[in-house]
Each structure stands twice: as C-alpha cells, then as structure tokens.
C-alpha cells in the first residue's frame, strides 16, 4: 500500500538540538585585525575602508551659520537677465550671487557668510 515511512519519524528527529556551546574567541588587538583585513582586501582587490595609519587631521572648523533664506521673485528686462546669466557663467557663480553682491556694494547689509558663490554645490 504505502511505501513511504510514517511522517511522525521526521517530526521526532527535528526535535534534536544542536550543540551551540561555542568556545570563546581569542582576544586580538586592533592592529592584527587591521593587518588581516588589509591582506584580504589586497588579495581580492577590494577597498577595506580602514583608516590609514597616519594620524587624523583635525577637522575643519564649521562654516559660519547663514541667515534663513527668503525667496524673492521679481521681473527684470530680458536683456538684464541675459547679461546676468552670461556673467554668472563666466565667473562660475549664480545670478543670485551677482545680485546679492551688487546689493551689498550698494550699501545694503549683507553678511559675508551669506554671500555664497553657488548654493547648489554642497562641498564636504
């Protein structure tokens, strides 16, 4: 009739527990781990992202805080917009930078921290 063994045999075997008592690992110093990681990385041509042995340079001071920005929209003649665009491209700055710089030169208060050549580029 049925040539298969009873399923209850498999259920009883699944109850066996594995021996998970692992021996404690030997303590390794950081230099040994770093050296091993570098050798593995070199062997497989990968970047291990381990900091170099050189002392870290002090972090650059944070940039001065900028004032909150407000969007200002205004209409200007087409020829002025084109001239601003050309000069901004030549100088590698934005039209906003040129306008803010001109306002600052005209006597309006403009903190140096708020005069950013290109706010689009985030440099880290």
PDB file of N, CA and C in Angstrom:
ATOM      1  N   UNK A   1       0.796  -1.190   0.000  1.00  0.00           N
ATOM      2  CA  UNK A   1       0.000   0.000   0.000  1.00  0.00           C
ATOM      3  C   UNK A   1       0.846   1.264   0.000  1.00  0.00           C
ATOM      4  N   UNK A   2       1.232   1.727   1.168  1.00  0.00           N
ATOM      5  CA  UNK A   2       2.008   2.966   1.289  1.00  0.00           C
ATOM      6  C   UNK A   2       3.466   2.609   1.484  1.00  0.00           C
ATOM      7  N   UNK A   3       4.348   3.069   0.565  1.00  0.00           N
ATOM      8  CA  UNK A   3       5.756   2.730   0.638  1.00  0.00           C
ATOM      9  C   UNK A   3       6.562   3.793   1.382  1.00  0.00           C
ATOM     10  N   UNK A   4       5.921   4.852   1.801  1.00  0.00           N
ATOM     11  CA  UNK A   4       6.618   5.933   2.498  1.00  0.00           C
ATOM     12  C   UNK A   4       6.683   5.654   3.997  1.00  0.00           C
ATOM     13  N   UNK A   5       7.780   6.073   4.632  1.00  0.00           N
ATOM     14  CA  UNK A   5       7.831   5.910   6.093  1.00  0.00           C
ATOM     15  C   UNK A   5       6.854   6.880   6.742  1.00  0.00           C
ATOM     16  N   UNK A   6       6.435   6.605   7.939  1.00  0.00           N
ATOM     17  CA  UNK A   6       5.484   7.497   8.605  1.00  0.00           C
ATOM     18  C   UNK A   6       6.117   8.870   8.868  1.00  0.00           C
ATOM     19  N   UNK A   7       5.342   9.914   8.701  1.00  0.00           N
ATOM     20  CA  UNK A   7       5.834  11.282   8.880  1.00  0.00           C
ATOM     21  C   UNK A   7       6.210  11.566  10.325  1.00  0.00           C
ATOM     22  N   UNK A   8       5.672  10.845  11.235  1.00  0.00           N
ATOM     23  CA  UNK A   8       5.984  11.064  12.646  1.00  0.00           C
ATOM     24  C   UNK A   8       7.454  10.826  12.944  1.00  0.00           C
ATOM     25  N   UNK A   9       8.120   9.993  12.168  1.00  0.00           N
ATOM     26  CA  UNK A   9       9.556   9.760  12.373  1.00  0.00           C
ATOM     27  C   UNK A   9      10.362  11.036  12.122  1.00  0.00           C
ATOM     28  N   UNK A  10       9.988  11.776  11.076  1.00  0.00           N
ATOM     29  CA  UNK A  10      10.698  13.019  10.759  1.00  0.00           C
ATOM     30  C   UNK A  10      10.457  14.078  11.833  1.00  0.00           C
ATOM     31  N   UNK A  11       9.268  14.127  12.350  1.00  0.00           N
ATOM     32  CA  UNK A  11       8.947  15.120  13.375  1.00  0.00           C
ATOM     33  C   UNK A  11       9.749  14.851  14.635  1.00  0.00           C
ATOM     34  N   UNK A  12       9.892  13.603  14.999  1.00  0.00           N
ATOM     35  CA  UNK A  12      10.655  13.256  16.195  1.00  0.00           C
ATOM     36  C   UNK A  12      12.122  13.621  16.013  1.00  0.00           C
ATOM     37  N   UNK A  13      12.698  13.453  14.799  1.00  0.00           N
ATOM     38  CA  UNK A  13      14.097  13.765  14.555  1.00  0.00           C
ATOM     39  C   UNK A  13      14.355  15.273  14.601  1.00  0.00           C
ATOM     40  N   UNK A  14      13.391  16.063  14.207  1.00  0.00           N
ATOM     41  CA  UNK A  14      13.578  17.516  14.173  1.00  0.00           C
ATOM     42  C   UNK A  14      13.748  18.088  15.572  1.00  0.00           C
ATOM     43  N   UNK A  15      13.367  17.367  16.559  1.00  0.00           N
ATOM     44  CA  UNK A  15      13.475  17.861  17.922  1.00  0.00           C
ATOM     45  C   UNK A  15      14.883  17.830  18.472  1.00  0.00           C
ATOM     46  N   UNK A  16      15.838  17.241  17.762  1.00  0.00           N
ATOM     47  CA  UNK A  16      17.214  17.190  18.241  1.00  0.00           C
ATOM     48  C   UNK A  16      17.808  18.589  18.236  1.00  0.00           C
ATOM     49  N   UNK A  17      18.500  18.939  19.311  1.00  0.00           N
ATOM     50  CA  UNK A  17      19.084  20.269  19.425  1.00  0.00           C
ATOM     51  C   UNK A  17      20.555  20.229  19.063  1.00  0.00           C
ATOM     52  N   UNK A  18      20.995  21.302  18.452  1.00  0.00           N
ATOM     53  CA  UNK A  18      22.407  21.427  18.120  1.00  0.00           C
ATOM     54  C   UNK A  18      23.180  21.867  19.346  1.00  0.00           C
ATOM     55  N   UNK A  19      24.432  21.491  19.388  1.00  0.00           N
ATOM     56  CA  UNK A  19      25.301  21.914  20.474  1.00  0.00           C
ATOM     57  C   UNK A  19      25.830  23.308  20.124  1.00  0.00           C
ATOM     58  N   UNK A  20      25.298  24.320  20.774  1.00  0.00           N
ATOM     59  CA  UNK A  20      25.694  25.692  20.438  1.00  0.00           C
ATOM     60  C   UNK A  20      26.613  26.301  21.481  1.00  0.00           C
ATOM     61  N   UNK A  21      27.223  25.483  22.290  1.00  0.00           N
ATOM     62  CA  UNK A  21      28.186  25.988  23.263  1.00  0.00           C
ATOM     63  C   UNK A  21      29.507  26.228  22.547  1.00  0.00           C
ATOM     64  N   UNK A  22      29.724  27.467  22.144  1.00  0.00           N
ATOM     65  CA  UNK A  22      30.927  27.812  21.401  1.00  0.00           C
ATOM     66  C   UNK A  22      32.042  28.211  22.351  1.00  0.00           C
ATOM     67  N   UNK A  23      33.256  27.891  21.953  1.00  0.00           N
ATOM     68  CA  UNK A  23      34.407  28.286  22.756  1.00  0.00           C
ATOM     69  C   UNK A  23      34.619  29.789  22.587  1.00  0.00           C
ATOM     70  N   UNK A  24      35.053  30.461  23.631  1.00  0.00           N
ATOM     71  CA  UNK A  24      35.308  31.895  23.492  1.00  0.00           C
ATOM     72  C   UNK A  24      36.456  32.143  22.514  1.00  0.00           C
ATOM     73  N   UNK A  25      36.326  33.239  21.751  1.00  0.00           N
ATOM     74  CA  UNK A  25      37.370  33.595  20.790  1.00  0.00           C
ATOM     75  C   UNK A  25      38.563  34.198  21.501  1.00  0.00           C
ATOM     76  N   UNK A  26      39.705  34.024  20.915  1.00  0.00           N
ATOM     77  CA  UNK A  26      40.906  34.644  21.452  1.00  0.00           C
ATOM     78  C   UNK A  26      40.825  36.147  21.231  1.00  0.00           C
ATOM     79  N   UNK A  27      41.302  36.886  22.194  1.00  0.00           N
ATOM     80  CA  UNK A  27      41.306  38.338  22.045  1.00  0.00           C
ATOM     81  C   UNK A  27      42.406  38.734  21.070  1.00  0.00           C
ATOM     82  N   UNK A  28      42.048  39.544  20.082  1.00  0.00           N
ATOM     83  CA  UNK A  28      43.011  40.046  19.105  1.00  0.00           C
ATOM     84  C   UNK A  28      43.091  41.560  19.239  1.00  0.00           C
ATOM     85  N   UNK A  29      44.298  42.068  19.076  1.00  0.00           N
ATOM     86  CA  UNK A  29      44.424  43.518  19.138  1.00  0.00           C
ATOM     87  C   UNK A  29      43.983  44.116  17.802  1.00  0.00           C
ATOM     88  N   UNK A  30      43.661  45.399  17.807  1.00  0.00           N
ATOM     89  CA  UNK A  30      43.145  46.069  16.623  1.00  0.00           C
ATOM     90  C   UNK A  30      44.142  46.049  15.471  1.00  0.00           C
ATOM     91  N   UNK A  31      45.428  46.130  15.762  1.00  0.00           N
ATOM     92  CA  UNK A  31      46.441  46.138  14.705  1.00  0.00           C
ATOM     93  C   UNK A  31      46.428  44.824  13.929  1.00  0.00           C
ATOM     94  N   UNK A  32      46.252  43.704  14.629  1.00  0.00           N
ATOM     95  CA  UNK A  32      46.216  42.406  13.962  1.00  0.00           C
ATOM     96  C   UNK A  32      44.983  42.288  13.077  1.00  0.00           C
ATOM     97  N   UNK A  33      43.854  42.776  13.561  1.00  0.00           N
ATOM     98  CA  UNK A  33      42.618  42.722  12.774  1.00  0.00           C
ATOM     99  C   UNK A  33      42.754  43.608  11.539  1.00  0.00           C
ATOM    100  N   UNK A  34      43.331  44.798  11.716  1.00  0.00           N
ATOM    101  CA  UNK A  34      43.517  45.717  10.598  1.00  0.00           C
ATOM    102  C   UNK A  34      44.453  45.109   9.548  1.00  0.00           C
ATOM    103  N   UNK A  35      45.558  44.500   9.986  1.00  0.00           N
ATOM    104  CA  UNK A  35      46.504  43.888   9.055  1.00  0.00           C
ATOM    105  C   UNK A  35      45.842  42.755   8.278  1.00  0.00           C
ATOM    106  N   UNK A  36      45.064  41.935   8.957  1.00  0.00           N
ATOM    107  CA  UNK A  36      44.374  40.838   8.287  1.00  0.00           C
ATOM    108  C   UNK A  36      43.357  41.372   7.284  1.00  0.00           C
ATOM    109  N   UNK A  37      42.624  42.411   7.657  1.00  0.00           N
ATOM    110  CA  UNK A  37      41.642  42.996   6.753  1.00  0.00           C
ATOM    111  C   UNK A  37      42.314  43.569   5.515  1.00  0.00           C
ATOM    112  N   UNK A  38      43.452  44.234   5.707  1.00  0.00           N
ATOM    113  CA  UNK A  38      44.181  44.787   4.558  1.00  0.00           C
ATOM    114  C   UNK A  38      44.670  43.668   3.628  1.00  0.00           C
ATOM    115  N   UNK A  39      45.193  42.589   4.196  1.00  0.00           N
ATOM    116  CA  UNK A  39      45.696  41.498   3.342  1.00  0.00           C
ATOM    117  C   UNK A  39      44.552  40.858   2.564  1.00  0.00           C
ATOM    118  N   UNK A  40      43.404  40.692   3.185  1.00  0.00           N
ATOM    119  CA  UNK A  40      42.245  40.132   2.477  1.00  0.00           C
ATOM    120  C   UNK A  40      41.807  41.092   1.376  1.00  0.00           C
ATOM    121  N   UNK A  41      41.771  42.390   1.700  1.00  0.00           N
ATOM    122  CA  UNK A  41      41.386  43.379   0.698  1.00  0.00           C
ATOM    123  C   UNK A  41      42.327  43.401  -0.484  1.00  0.00           C
ATOM    124  N   UNK A  42      43.630  43.316  -0.226  1.00  0.00           N
ATOM    125  CA  UNK A  42      44.604  43.306  -1.317  1.00  0.00           C
ATOM    126  C   UNK A  42      44.480  42.038  -2.159  1.00  0.00           C
ATOM    127  N   UNK A  43      44.213  40.929  -1.503  1.00  0.00           N
ATOM    128  CA  UNK A  43      44.095  39.655  -2.211  1.00  0.00           C
ATOM    129  C   UNK A  43      42.931  39.683  -3.200  1.00  0.00           C
ATOM    130  N   UNK A  44      41.821  40.286  -2.796  1.00  0.00           N
ATOM    131  CA  UNK A  44      40.634  40.302  -3.650  1.00  0.00           C
ATOM    132  C   UNK A  44      40.435  41.625  -4.364  1.00  0.00           C
ATOM    133  N   UNK A  45      41.359  42.555  -4.212  1.00  0.00           N
ATOM    134  CA  UNK A  45      41.275  43.835  -4.909  1.00  0.00           C
ATOM    135  C   UNK A  45      40.093  44.674  -4.466  1.00  0.00           C
ATOM    136  N   UNK A  46      39.801  44.643  -3.194  1.00  0.00           N
ATOM    137  CA  UNK A  46      38.670  45.421  -2.697  1.00  0.00           C
ATOM    138  C   UNK A  46      39.146  46.511  -1.744  1.00  0.00           C
ATOM    139  N   UNK A  47      38.272  47.448  -1.489  1.00  0.00           N
ATOM    140  CA  UNK A  47      38.567  48.538  -0.568  1.00  0.00           C
ATOM    141  C   UNK A  47      38.039  48.154   0.806  1.00  0.00           C
ATOM    142  N   UNK A  48      38.930  48.069   1.766  1.00  0.00           N
ATOM    143  CA  UNK A  48      38.520  47.649   3.106  1.00  0.00           C
ATOM    144  C   UNK A  48      38.014  48.799   3.950  1.00  0.00           C
ATOM    145  N   UNK A  49      38.193  50.031   3.492  1.00  0.00           N
ATOM    146  CA  UNK A  49      37.756  51.237   4.184  1.00  0.00           C
ATOM    147  C   UNK A  49      38.304  51.331   5.599  1.00  0.00           C
ATOM    148  N   UNK A  50      39.513  50.917   5.764  1.00  0.00           N
ATOM    149  CA  UNK A  50      40.174  51.035   7.061  1.00  0.00           C
ATOM    150  C   UNK A  50      40.944  52.336   7.043  1.00  0.00           C
ATOM    151  N   UNK A  51      40.851  53.084   8.096  1.00  0.00           N
ATOM    152  CA  UNK A  51      41.564  54.352   8.140  1.00  0.00           C
ATOM    153  C   UNK A  51      43.057  54.092   8.077  1.00  0.00           C
ATOM    154  N   UNK A  52      43.747  55.048   7.508  1.00  0.00           N
ATOM    155  CA  UNK A  52      45.188  54.879   7.361  1.00  0.00           C
ATOM    156  C   UNK A  52      45.871  54.975   8.717  1.00  0.00           C
ATOM    157  N   UNK A  53      47.114  54.544   8.738  1.00  0.00           N
ATOM    158  CA  UNK A  53      47.869  54.570   9.977  1.00  0.00           C
ATOM    159  C   UNK A  53      48.302  55.983  10.347  1.00  0.00           C
ATOM    160  N   UNK A  54      48.152  56.930   9.403  1.00  0.00           N
ATOM    161  CA  UNK A  54      48.520  58.316   9.676  1.00  0.00           C
ATOM    162  C   UNK A  54      47.560  58.910  10.695  1.00  0.00           C
ATOM    163  N   UNK A  55      48.057  59.795  11.524  1.00  0.00           N
ATOM    164  CA  UNK A  55      47.139  60.428  12.475  1.00  0.00           C
ATOM    165  C   UNK A  55      46.120  61.287  11.729  1.00  0.00           C
ATOM    166  N   UNK A  56      44.934  61.298  12.235  1.00  0.00           N
ATOM    167  CA  UNK A  56      43.866  62.053  11.588  1.00  0.00           C
ATOM    168  C   UNK A  56      44.119  63.552  11.719  1.00  0.00           C
ATOM    169  N   UNK A  57      43.845  64.249  10.616  1.00  0.00           N
ATOM    170  CA  UNK A  57      43.986  65.700  10.645  1.00  0.00           C
ATOM    171  C   UNK A  57      42.813  66.296  11.411  1.00  0.00           C
ATOM    172  N   UNK A  58      43.043  67.384  12.097  1.00  0.00           N
ATOM    173  CA  UNK A  58      41.915  67.988  12.809  1.00  0.00           C
ATOM    174  C   UNK A  58      40.845  68.435  11.825  1.00  0.00           C
ATOM    175  N   UNK A  59      39.617  68.301  12.233  1.00  0.00           N
ATOM    176  CA  UNK A  59      38.503  68.663  11.369  1.00  0.00           C
ATOM    177  C   UNK A  59      38.492  70.166  11.134  1.00  0.00           C
ATOM    178  N   UNK A  60      38.059  70.532   9.936  1.00  0.00           N
ATOM    179  CA  UNK A  60      37.974  71.949   9.605  1.00  0.00           C
ATOM    180  C   UNK A  60      36.886  72.591  10.463  1.00  0.00           C
ATOM    181  N   UNK A  61      37.066  73.834  10.809  1.00  0.00           N
ATOM    182  CA  UNK A  61      36.033  74.483  11.612  1.00  0.00           C
ATOM    183  C   UNK A  61      34.741  74.576  10.807  1.00  0.00           C
ATOM    184  N   UNK A  62      33.608  74.482  11.472  1.00  0.00           N
ATOM    185  CA  UNK A  62      32.339  74.531  10.738  1.00  0.00           C
ATOM    186  C   UNK A  62      32.162  75.903  10.092  1.00  0.00           C
ATOM    187  N   UNK A  63      31.522  75.938   8.925  1.00  0.00           N
ATOM    188  CA  UNK A  63      31.311  77.227   8.277  1.00  0.00           C
ATOM    189  C   UNK A  63      30.387  78.099   9.116  1.00  0.00           C
ATOM    190  N   UNK A  64      30.523  79.405   8.992  1.00  0.00           N
ATOM    191  CA  UNK A  64      29.655  80.279   9.781  1.00  0.00           C
ATOM    192  C   UNK A  64      28.190  80.065   9.391  1.00  0.00           C
ATOM    193  N   UNK A  65      27.328  80.205  10.364  1.00  0.00           N
ATOM    194  CA  UNK A  65      25.908  79.981  10.131  1.00  0.00           C
ATOM    195  C   UNK A  65      25.354  81.051   9.198  1.00  0.00           C
ATOM    196  N   UNK A  66      24.544  80.601   8.249  1.00  0.00           N
ATOM    197  CA  UNK A  66      23.921  81.534   7.320  1.00  0.00           C
ATOM    198  C   UNK A  66      22.541  81.906   7.841  1.00  0.00           C
ATOM    199  N   UNK A  67      22.101  83.091   7.453  1.00  0.00           N
ATOM    200  CA  UNK A  67      20.767  83.548   7.839  1.00  0.00           C
ATOM    201  C   UNK A  67      19.726  82.735   7.077  1.00  0.00           C
ATOM    202  N   UNK A  68      18.526  82.583   7.635  1.00  0.00           N
ATOM    203  CA  UNK A  68      17.457  81.890   6.894  1.00  0.00           C
ATOM    204  C   UNK A  68      17.190  82.627   5.585  1.00  0.00           C
ATOM    205  N   UNK A  69      16.837  81.869   4.560  1.00  0.00           N
ATOM    206  CA  UNK A  69      16.612  82.455   3.240  1.00  0.00           C
ATOM    207  C   UNK A  69      15.140  82.724   2.996  1.00  0.00           C
ATOM    208  N   UNK A  70      14.888  83.771   2.235  1.00  0.00           N
ATOM    209  CA  UNK A  70      13.541  84.120   1.792  1.00  0.00           C
ATOM    210  C   UNK A  70      13.572  84.203   0.281  1.00  0.00           C
ATOM    211  N   UNK A  71      12.605  83.595  -0.370  1.00  0.00           N
ATOM    212  CA  UNK A  71      12.546  83.640  -1.820  1.00  0.00           C
ATOM    213  C   UNK A  71      11.938  84.968  -2.257  1.00  0.00           C
ATOM    214  N   UNK A  72      12.632  85.640  -3.160  1.00  0.00           N
ATOM    215  CA  UNK A  72      12.147  86.920  -3.694  1.00  0.00           C
ATOM    216  C   UNK A  72      12.032  86.764  -5.200  1.00  0.00           C
ATOM    217  N   UNK A  73      10.863  87.044  -5.722  1.00  0.00           N
ATOM    218  CA  UNK A  73      10.657  86.953  -7.165  1.00  0.00           C
ATOM    219  C   UNK A  73      10.405  88.346  -7.686  1.00  0.00           C
ATOM    220  N   UNK A  74      11.095  88.695  -8.764  1.00  0.00           N
ATOM    221  CA  UNK A  74      10.857  89.994  -9.377  1.00  0.00           C
ATOM    222  C   UNK A  74      11.062  89.879 -10.876  1.00  0.00           C
ATOM    223  N   UNK A  75      10.483  90.821 -11.577  1.00  0.00           N
ATOM    224  CA  UNK A  75      10.614  90.847 -13.030  1.00  0.00           C
ATOM    225  C   UNK A  75      11.687  91.848 -13.408  1.00  0.00           C
ATOM    226  N   UNK A  76      12.484  91.479 -14.397  1.00  0.00           N
ATOM    227  CA  UNK A  76      13.510  92.388 -14.890  1.00  0.00           C
ATOM    228  C   UNK A  76      13.533  92.296 -16.407  1.00  0.00           C
ATOM    229  N   UNK A  77      14.099  93.272 -17.055  1.00  0.00           N
ATOM    230  CA  UNK A  77      14.157  93.232 -18.525  1.00  0.00           C
ATOM    231  C   UNK A  77      14.941  92.012 -19.012  1.00  0.00           C
ATOM    232  N   UNK A  78      14.556  91.512 -20.155  1.00  0.00           N
ATOM    233  CA  UNK A  78      15.172  90.323 -20.731  1.00  0.00           C
ATOM    234  C   UNK A  78      16.669  90.512 -20.939  1.00  0.00           C
ATOM    235  N   UNK A  79      17.075  91.681 -21.418  1.00  0.00           N
ATOM    236  CA  UNK A  79      18.499  91.916 -21.671  1.00  0.00           C
ATOM    237  C   UNK A  79      19.316  91.867 -20.376  1.00  0.00           C
ATOM    238  N   UNK A  80      18.735  92.314 -19.254  1.00  0.00           N
ATOM    239  CA  UNK A  80      19.437  92.259 -17.977  1.00  0.00           C
ATOM    240  C   UNK A  80      19.590  90.809 -17.507  1.00  0.00           C
ATOM    241  N   UNK A  81      18.532  90.025 -17.690  1.00  0.00           N
ATOM    242  CA  UNK A  81      18.600  88.616 -17.311  1.00  0.00           C
ATOM    243  C   UNK A  81      19.677  87.894 -18.122  1.00  0.00           C
ATOM    244  N   UNK A  82      19.754  88.181 -19.419  1.00  0.00           N
ATOM    245  CA  UNK A  82      20.769  87.552 -20.272  1.00  0.00           C
ATOM    246  C   UNK A  82      22.172  87.975 -19.844  1.00  0.00           C
ATOM    247  N   UNK A  83      22.339  89.257 -19.531  1.00  0.00           N
ATOM    248  CA  UNK A  83      23.653  89.731 -19.102  1.00  0.00           C
ATOM    249  C   UNK A  83      24.063  89.092 -17.780  1.00  0.00           C
ATOM    250  N   UNK A  84      23.109  88.987 -16.848  1.00  0.00           N
ATOM    251  CA  UNK A  84      23.393  88.312 -15.581  1.00  0.00           C
ATOM    252  C   UNK A  84      23.782  86.853 -15.818  1.00  0.00           C
ATOM    253  N   UNK A  85      23.068  86.178 -16.706  1.00  0.00           N
ATOM    254  CA  UNK A  85      23.345  84.768 -16.985  1.00  0.00           C
ATOM    255  C   UNK A  85      24.736  84.597 -17.591  1.00  0.00           C
ATOM    256  N   UNK A  86      25.102  85.477 -18.506  1.00  0.00           N
ATOM    257  CA  UNK A  86      26.417  85.380 -19.149  1.00  0.00           C
ATOM    258  C   UNK A  86      27.532  85.627 -18.134  1.00  0.00           C
ATOM    259  N   UNK A  87      27.382  86.689 -17.340  1.00  0.00           N
ATOM    260  CA  UNK A  87      28.424  86.989 -16.354  1.00  0.00           C
ATOM    261  C   UNK A  87      28.522  85.890 -15.302  1.00  0.00           C
ATOM    262  N   UNK A  88      27.380  85.365 -14.881  1.00  0.00           N
ATOM    263  CA  UNK A  88      27.400  84.279 -13.892  1.00  0.00           C
ATOM    264  C   UNK A  88      28.120  83.066 -14.450  1.00  0.00           C
ATOM    265  N   UNK A  89      27.884  82.750 -15.725  1.00  0.00           N
ATOM    266  CA  UNK A  89      28.573  81.604 -16.339  1.00  0.00           C
ATOM    267  C   UNK A  89      30.070  81.865 -16.465  1.00  0.00           C
ATOM    268  N   UNK A  90      30.439  83.070 -16.815  1.00  0.00           N
ATOM    269  CA  UNK A  90      31.859  83.404 -16.958  1.00  0.00           C
ATOM    270  C   UNK A  90      32.594  83.318 -15.622  1.00  0.00           C
ATOM    271  N   UNK A  91      31.941  83.771 -14.556  1.00  0.00           N
ATOM    272  CA  UNK A  91      32.579  83.796 -13.236  1.00  0.00           C
ATOM    273  C   UNK A  91      32.371  82.511 -12.444  1.00  0.00           C
ATOM    274  N   UNK A  92      31.511  81.626 -12.948  1.00  0.00           N
ATOM    275  CA  UNK A  92      31.252  80.372 -12.234  1.00  0.00           C
ATOM    276  C   UNK A  92      30.440  80.591 -10.966  1.00  0.00           C
ATOM    277  N   UNK A  93      29.530  81.546 -11.002  1.00  0.00           N
ATOM    278  CA  UNK A  93      28.683  81.850  -9.851  1.00  0.00           C
ATOM    279  C   UNK A  93      27.231  81.814 -10.307  1.00  0.00           C
ATOM    280  N   UNK A  94      26.317  82.127  -9.405  1.00  0.00           N
ATOM    281  CA  UNK A  94      24.903  82.176  -9.764  1.00  0.00           C
ATOM    282  C   UNK A  94      24.462  83.618  -9.948  1.00  0.00           C
ATOM    283  N   UNK A  95      23.321  83.769 -10.605  1.00  0.00           N
ATOM    284  CA  UNK A  95      22.759  85.122 -10.763  1.00  0.00           C
ATOM    285  C   UNK A  95      22.398  85.699  -9.396  1.00  0.00           C
ATOM    286  N   UNK A  96      21.950  84.861  -8.496  1.00  0.00           N
ATOM    287  CA  UNK A  96      21.620  85.316  -7.138  1.00  0.00           C
ATOM    288  C   UNK A  96      22.855  85.911  -6.473  1.00  0.00           C
ATOM    289  N   UNK A  97      23.998  85.267  -6.648  1.00  0.00           N
ATOM    290  CA  UNK A  97      25.239  85.788  -6.073  1.00  0.00           C
ATOM    291  C   UNK A  97      25.535  87.185  -6.610  1.00  0.00           C
ATOM    292  N   UNK A  98      25.413  87.355  -7.921  1.00  0.00           N
ATOM    293  CA  UNK A  98      25.699  88.662  -8.519  1.00  0.00           C
ATOM    294  C   UNK A  98      24.757  89.733  -7.992  1.00  0.00           C
ATOM    295  N   UNK A  99      23.486  89.400  -7.853  1.00  0.00           N
ATOM    296  CA  UNK A  99      22.502  90.377  -7.363  1.00  0.00           C
ATOM    297  C   UNK A  99      22.784  90.716  -5.905  1.00  0.00           C
ATOM    298  N   UNK A 100      23.038  89.703  -5.073  1.00  0.00           N
ATOM    299  CA  UNK A 100      23.339  89.967  -3.659  1.00  0.00           C
ATOM    300  C   UNK A 100      24.620  90.781  -3.507  1.00  0.00           C
ATOM    301  N   UNK A 101      25.617  90.468  -4.314  1.00  0.00           N
ATOM    302  CA  UNK A 101      26.879  91.215  -4.265  1.00  0.00           C
ATOM    303  C   UNK A 101      26.647  92.680  -4.623  1.00  0.00           C
ATOM    304  N   UNK A 102      25.841  92.925  -5.651  1.00  0.00           N
ATOM    305  CA  UNK A 102      25.540  94.308  -6.058  1.00  0.00           C
ATOM    306  C   UNK A 102      24.769  95.044  -4.969  1.00  0.00           C
ATOM    307  N   UNK A 103      23.838  94.352  -4.317  1.00  0.00           N
ATOM    308  CA  UNK A 103      23.090  94.986  -3.225  1.00  0.00           C
ATOM    309  C   UNK A 103      24.015  95.311  -2.058  1.00  0.00           C
ATOM    310  N   UNK A 104      24.940  94.412  -1.758  1.00  0.00           N
ATOM    311  CA  UNK A 104      25.900  94.662  -0.687  1.00  0.00           C
ATOM    312  C   UNK A 104      26.788  95.850  -1.010  1.00  0.00           C
ATOM    313  N   UNK A 105      27.238  95.939  -2.261  1.00  0.00           N
ATOM    314  CA  UNK A 105      28.080  97.060  -2.679  1.00  0.00           C
ATOM    315  C   UNK A 105      27.310  98.379  -2.701  1.00  0.00           C
ATOM    316  N   UNK A 106      25.981  98.282  -2.858  1.00  0.00           N
ATOM    317  CA  UNK A 106      25.145  99.489  -2.869  1.00  0.00           C
ATOM    318  C   UNK A 106      24.857  99.987  -1.461  1.00  0.00           C
ATOM    319  N   UNK A 107      25.327  99.258  -0.442  1.00  0.00           N
ATOM    320  CA  UNK A 107      25.167  99.734   0.925  1.00  0.00           C
ATOM    321  C   UNK A 107      24.185  98.949   1.772  1.00  0.00           C
ATOM    322  N   UNK A 108      23.535  97.963   1.198  1.00  0.00           N
ATOM    323  CA  UNK A 108      22.626  97.146   1.987  1.00  0.00           C
ATOM    324  C   UNK A 108      23.439  96.159   2.823  1.00  0.00           C
ATOM    325  N   UNK A 109      22.910  95.855   4.016  1.00  0.00           N
ATOM    326  CA  UNK A 109      23.615  94.930   4.902  1.00  0.00           C
ATOM    327  C   UNK A 109      23.617  93.536   4.280  1.00  0.00           C
ATOM    328  N   UNK A 110      24.802  92.946   4.179  1.00  0.00           N
ATOM    329  CA  UNK A 110      24.952  91.590   3.684  1.00  0.00           C
ATOM    330  C   UNK A 110      26.145  90.971   4.386  1.00  0.00           C
ATOM    331  N   UNK A 111      25.873  90.028   5.286  1.00  0.00           N
ATOM    332  CA  UNK A 111      26.960  89.345   5.996  1.00  0.00           C
ATOM    333  C   UNK A 111      27.747  88.491   5.018  1.00  0.00           C
ATOM    334  N   UNK A 112      29.054  88.436   5.221  1.00  0.00           N
ATOM    335  CA  UNK A 112      29.931  87.683   4.317  1.00  0.00           C
ATOM    336  C   UNK A 112      29.546  86.204   4.250  1.00  0.00           C
ATOM    337  N   UNK A 113      29.056  85.655   5.351  1.00  0.00           N
ATOM    338  CA  UNK A 113      28.661  84.239   5.367  1.00  0.00           C
ATOM    339  C   UNK A 113      27.479  83.971   4.448  1.00  0.00           C
ATOM    340  N   UNK A 114      26.685  85.003   4.172  1.00  0.00           N
ATOM    341  CA  UNK A 114      25.503  84.830   3.328  1.00  0.00           C
ATOM    342  C   UNK A 114      25.797  85.048   1.852  1.00  0.00           C
ATOM    343  N   UNK A 115      26.996  85.495   1.511  1.00  0.00           N
ATOM    344  CA  UNK A 115      27.368  85.708   0.117  1.00  0.00           C
ATOM    345  C   UNK A 115      28.094  84.448  -0.369  1.00  0.00           C
ATOM    346  N   UNK A 116      27.315  83.497  -0.879  1.00  0.00           N
ATOM    347  CA  UNK A 116      27.836  82.209  -1.326  1.00  0.00           C
ATOM    348  C   UNK A 116      27.820  82.191  -2.848  1.00  0.00           C
ATOM    349  N   UNK A 117      28.965  81.833  -3.446  1.00  0.00           N
ATOM    350  CA  UNK A 117      29.068  81.869  -4.903  1.00  0.00           C
ATOM    351  C   UNK A 117      28.088  80.931  -5.586  1.00  0.00           C
ATOM    352  N   UNK A 118      27.895  79.754  -5.030  1.00  0.00           N
ATOM    353  CA  UNK A 118      26.985  78.799  -5.664  1.00  0.00           C
ATOM    354  C   UNK A 118      26.364  77.927  -4.594  1.00  0.00           C
ATOM    355  N   UNK A 119      25.146  78.203  -4.212  1.00  0.00           N
ATOM    356  CA  UNK A 119      24.464  77.451  -3.152  1.00  0.00           C
ATOM    357  C   UNK A 119      24.111  76.037  -3.610  1.00  0.00           C
ATOM    358  N   UNK A 120      24.140  75.787  -4.918  1.00  0.00           N
ATOM    359  CA  UNK A 120      23.768  74.460  -5.423  1.00  0.00           C
ATOM    360  C   UNK A 120      24.825  73.429  -5.112  1.00  0.00           C
ATOM    361  N   UNK A 121      26.081  73.829  -5.043  1.00  0.00           N
ATOM    362  CA  UNK A 121      27.168  72.877  -4.811  1.00  0.00           C
ATOM    363  C   UNK A 121      27.380  72.682  -3.317  1.00  0.00           C
ATOM    364  N   UNK A 122      27.171  71.481  -2.876  1.00  0.00           N
ATOM    365  CA  UNK A 122      27.405  71.165  -1.463  1.00  0.00           C
ATOM    366  C   UNK A 122      28.757  70.485  -1.389  1.00  0.00           C
ATOM    367  N   UNK A 123      29.732  71.130  -0.765  1.00  0.00           N
ATOM    368  CA  UNK A 123      31.075  70.572  -0.683  1.00  0.00           C
ATOM    369  C   UNK A 123      31.308  70.043   0.706  1.00  0.00           C
ATOM    370  N   UNK A 124      31.858  68.824   0.781  1.00  0.00           N
ATOM    371  CA  UNK A 124      32.105  68.184   2.073  1.00  0.00           C
ATOM    372  C   UNK A 124      33.534  67.848   2.223  1.00  0.00           C
TER     373      UNK A 124
END
